[in-house]
Amino acid sequence: MTQLSSHEDGQTPVDADDAQHLTDSYAWIGTRDELNDAEASNITDALLWLEDQELGANDLLNQSVLRELHRRMFGEVWNWAGLLRRRDTTIGVPPVQIQERLQTLLGDTLFWIEQGTYGASEICIRFHHRLVFIHPFVSGNGRHARLAAGALADSLGLGPDHLSWGARSGQSPIEARRRYLDALRAADRGDYTDLLATAVR
């Protein structure tokens, strides 16, 4: 989201264009700190919901379930939660292609699982990368794709904490995010080595 001033981190006002999409319950939010806290609480609730569902791979690889996960992650805070993107952005496929590309990804992932095309970790990483690349939602795509990939890994027997996205590396959050973004760019070029190493680190 766009930041309009040079206030201290966290005290930067929420962009007015973004603020109009806050739900009535969170329309009072004015700063990034407040927004981050609200989103973090919402995502925690989504994690609890996801744990209760005990979804298998076939359940997770479903457009309705992926949209519901996004709604659960952000629906208390944002009106656009769970809705497929309807406008062009600087990243992601054109909106008219989102549903078709999502369905292709879900079918490909099921095929990889059934055929053992890749190891379980790499299947989850490739799924994650393509989901981020499609960019189906207005915002929250990276967080949603990481959560969905983690749930997929768990469903494939790797455990709920198999994908840490650098959290166990000892790196600062800033450095871990930089490495993650660099690894995503490498995956855009067809090289998944760094993304796999980053995700399971």
Protein backbone atom coordinates (compact mmCIF):
# COMPACT_ATOMS: atom_id res chain seq x y z
CA MET A 1 0.00 0.00 0.00
CA THR A 2 1.17 3.50 -0.76
CA GLN A 3 2.65 5.62 1.99
CA LEU A 4 2.19 9.34 1.62
CA SER A 5 4.48 10.84 4.22
CA SER A 6 7.84 10.43 5.90
CA HIS A 7 6.42 9.79 9.39
CA GLU A 8 8.19 7.29 11.65
CA ASP A 9 7.65 3.67 10.67
CA GLY A 10 4.28 2.54 11.90
CA GLN A 11 3.02 6.08 12.32
CA THR A 12 2.66 6.60 8.58
CA PRO A 13 -1.00 7.35 7.84
CA VAL A 14 -2.97 4.75 5.93
CA ASP A 15 -3.43 5.90 2.34
CA ALA A 16 -6.84 7.52 1.82
CA ASP A 17 -7.54 5.35 -1.23
CA ASP A 18 -6.92 2.25 0.86
CA ALA A 19 -8.84 3.52 3.90
CA GLN A 20 -12.10 3.66 1.95
CA HIS A 21 -11.97 -0.14 1.70
CA LEU A 22 -11.74 -0.72 5.47
CA THR A 23 -14.77 -2.46 6.98
CA ASP A 24 -17.08 -0.42 9.21
CA SER A 25 -15.62 -2.15 12.28
CA TYR A 26 -12.12 -0.92 11.42
CA ALA A 27 -12.88 2.40 9.76
CA TRP A 28 -11.18 4.11 12.73
CA ILE A 29 -7.73 2.82 11.70
CA GLY A 30 -5.41 5.71 10.89
CA THR A 31 -1.82 4.44 11.02
CA ARG A 32 0.21 1.55 9.69
CA ASP A 33 0.81 0.25 13.23
CA GLU A 34 -2.93 0.06 13.84
CA LEU A 35 -3.47 -1.61 10.48
CA ASN A 36 -0.69 -4.14 11.04
CA ASP A 37 -2.11 -5.06 14.47
CA ALA A 38 -5.62 -5.49 13.07
CA GLU A 39 -4.43 -7.65 10.18
CA ALA A 40 -2.24 -9.77 12.47
CA SER A 41 -5.21 -10.48 14.75
CA ASN A 42 -7.39 -11.37 11.77
CA ILE A 43 -4.71 -13.72 10.37
CA THR A 44 -4.37 -15.44 13.75
CA ASP A 45 -8.11 -16.16 13.65
CA ALA A 46 -7.69 -17.54 10.13
CA LEU A 47 -4.92 -19.88 11.30
CA LEU A 48 -7.20 -21.26 14.01
CA TRP A 49 -9.97 -21.76 11.45
CA LEU A 50 -7.58 -23.53 9.09
CA GLU A 51 -6.38 -25.88 11.83
CA ASP A 52 -9.97 -26.80 12.68
CA GLN A 53 -10.79 -27.70 9.07
CA GLU A 54 -8.20 -30.50 8.74
CA LEU A 55 -8.25 -30.09 4.97
CA GLY A 56 -6.62 -32.60 2.64
CA ALA A 57 -4.79 -31.63 -0.53
CA ASN A 58 -7.91 -32.16 -2.65
CA ASP A 59 -9.85 -29.81 -0.38
CA LEU A 60 -7.18 -27.11 -0.39
CA LEU A 61 -6.73 -27.17 -4.15
CA ASN A 62 -10.12 -25.62 -4.72
CA GLN A 63 -10.86 -22.04 -5.73
CA SER A 64 -13.67 -21.66 -3.22
CA VAL A 65 -11.47 -22.83 -0.35
CA LEU A 66 -8.62 -20.53 -1.37
CA ARG A 67 -11.01 -17.58 -1.56
CA GLU A 68 -12.50 -18.47 1.82
CA LEU A 69 -9.02 -18.64 3.33
CA HIS A 70 -8.28 -15.13 2.03
CA ARG A 71 -11.61 -13.90 3.40
CA ARG A 72 -10.84 -15.44 6.78
CA MET A 73 -7.41 -13.79 6.81
CA PHE A 74 -8.54 -10.26 5.96
CA GLY A 75 -12.36 -10.09 6.09
CA GLU A 76 -12.62 -8.40 9.47
CA VAL A 77 -10.46 -5.53 8.22
CA TRP A 78 -10.99 -5.17 4.44
CA ASN A 79 -14.10 -5.16 2.25
CA TRP A 80 -12.18 -6.75 -0.65
CA ALA A 81 -11.20 -9.88 1.31
CA GLY A 82 -11.91 -13.08 -0.60
CA LEU A 83 -12.92 -11.26 -3.79
CA LEU A 84 -10.95 -11.84 -6.95
CA ARG A 85 -9.15 -8.78 -8.25
CA ARG A 86 -11.07 -6.80 -10.87
CA ARG A 87 -8.49 -4.22 -11.87
CA ASP A 88 -5.04 -4.34 -13.44
CA THR A 89 -2.04 -4.03 -11.16
CA THR A 90 1.68 -3.70 -11.79
CA ILE A 91 2.06 -7.40 -10.96
CA GLY A 92 -0.17 -10.37 -11.63
CA VAL A 93 -2.12 -11.60 -14.61
CA PRO A 94 -4.94 -9.52 -16.16
CA PRO A 95 -8.18 -9.86 -14.14
CA VAL A 96 -9.99 -11.66 -16.96
CA GLN A 97 -7.40 -14.46 -16.75
CA ILE A 98 -7.42 -14.97 -12.97
CA GLN A 99 -10.05 -17.71 -12.69
CA GLU A 100 -8.69 -19.69 -15.63
CA ARG A 101 -5.08 -19.43 -14.45
CA LEU A 102 -6.09 -20.41 -10.92
CA GLN A 103 -7.93 -23.47 -12.17
CA THR A 104 -4.93 -24.48 -14.29
CA LEU A 105 -2.64 -24.12 -11.26
CA LEU A 106 -4.91 -26.25 -9.08
CA GLY A 107 -5.13 -28.94 -11.75
CA ASP A 108 -1.36 -28.90 -12.29
CA THR A 109 -0.70 -29.19 -8.56
CA LEU A 110 -3.04 -32.17 -8.19
CA PHE A 111 -1.28 -33.80 -11.16
CA TRP A 112 2.15 -33.22 -9.58
CA ILE A 113 0.94 -34.85 -6.36
CA GLU A 114 -0.70 -37.83 -8.06
CA GLN A 115 2.24 -38.45 -10.40
CA GLY A 116 5.05 -37.62 -7.97
CA THR A 117 6.40 -35.15 -10.51
CA TYR A 118 8.40 -33.33 -7.81
CA GLY A 119 9.16 -33.90 -4.17
CA ALA A 120 6.47 -32.75 -1.74
CA SER A 121 8.41 -29.64 -0.69
CA GLU A 122 8.99 -28.55 -4.27
CA ILE A 123 5.33 -29.08 -5.15
CA CYS A 124 4.37 -26.69 -2.36
CA ILE A 125 6.96 -24.14 -3.48
CA ARG A 126 5.87 -24.26 -7.11
CA PHE A 127 2.23 -23.93 -6.03
CA HIS A 128 3.13 -20.95 -3.86
CA HIS A 129 5.11 -19.21 -6.60
CA ARG A 130 2.41 -19.56 -9.24
CA LEU A 131 -0.28 -18.40 -6.82
CA VAL A 132 1.75 -15.27 -6.04
CA PHE A 133 2.42 -14.75 -9.75
CA ILE A 134 -1.31 -14.86 -10.58
CA HIS A 135 -1.93 -12.30 -7.81
CA PRO A 136 -5.65 -13.12 -7.54
CA PHE A 137 -6.56 -10.61 -4.84
CA VAL A 138 -6.21 -6.86 -4.39
CA SER A 139 -3.69 -7.33 -1.59
CA GLY A 140 -2.39 -9.92 0.86
CA ASN A 141 -1.38 -12.30 -1.93
CA GLY A 142 2.03 -13.21 -0.51
CA ARG A 143 0.72 -13.90 2.98
CA HIS A 144 -2.20 -15.87 1.57
CA ALA A 145 0.03 -17.95 -0.71
CA ARG A 146 2.46 -18.73 2.13
CA LEU A 147 -0.39 -19.84 4.39
CA ALA A 148 -1.97 -21.94 1.63
CA ALA A 149 1.36 -23.54 0.75
CA GLY A 150 2.00 -24.31 4.41
CA ALA A 151 -1.41 -25.97 4.70
CA LEU A 152 -0.67 -27.96 1.55
CA ALA A 153 2.67 -29.08 2.99
CA ASP A 154 0.91 -30.23 6.15
CA SER A 155 -1.68 -32.13 4.10
CA LEU A 156 1.16 -33.92 2.29
CA GLY A 157 2.61 -35.14 5.57
CA LEU A 158 5.41 -32.58 5.95
CA GLY A 159 3.99 -31.06 9.12
CA PRO A 160 2.46 -27.63 9.85
CA ASP A 161 5.82 -25.88 10.34
CA HIS A 162 7.73 -27.37 7.41
CA LEU A 163 7.75 -24.09 5.50
CA SER A 164 9.23 -21.36 7.66
CA TRP A 165 10.05 -18.80 4.94
CA GLY A 166 13.35 -17.95 6.62
CA ALA A 167 12.00 -17.66 10.17
CA ARG A 168 14.48 -20.28 11.42
CA SER A 169 17.46 -18.77 9.58
CA GLY A 170 18.46 -16.28 12.24
CA GLN A 171 18.23 -13.45 9.70
CA SER A 172 16.49 -10.19 10.45
CA PRO A 173 12.93 -9.94 9.08
CA ILE A 174 14.15 -7.36 6.55
CA GLU A 175 16.93 -9.62 5.27
CA ALA A 176 14.64 -12.67 5.21
CA ARG A 177 12.10 -10.73 3.15
CA ARG A 178 14.80 -9.54 0.74
CA ARG A 179 15.99 -13.10 0.18
CA TYR A 180 12.41 -14.28 -0.28
CA LEU A 181 11.68 -11.63 -2.92
CA ASP A 182 14.94 -12.37 -4.72
CA ALA A 183 14.04 -16.07 -4.70
CA LEU A 184 10.60 -15.32 -6.15
CA ARG A 185 12.24 -13.39 -9.00
CA ALA A 186 14.54 -16.35 -9.68
CA ALA A 187 11.48 -18.62 -9.73
CA ASP A 188 9.93 -16.29 -12.31
CA ARG A 189 12.88 -17.30 -14.50
CA GLY A 190 12.28 -21.01 -13.80
CA ASP A 191 14.90 -21.50 -11.06
CA TYR A 192 13.26 -22.72 -7.83
CA THR A 193 16.47 -23.55 -5.97
CA ASP A 194 16.63 -20.41 -3.82
CA LEU A 195 12.90 -20.33 -3.12
CA LEU A 196 12.99 -23.93 -1.89
CA ALA A 197 16.03 -23.21 0.28
CA THR A 198 14.43 -20.05 1.67
CA ALA A 199 11.08 -21.67 2.39
CA VAL A 200 12.38 -24.64 4.38
CA ARG A 201 15.21 -22.78 6.11
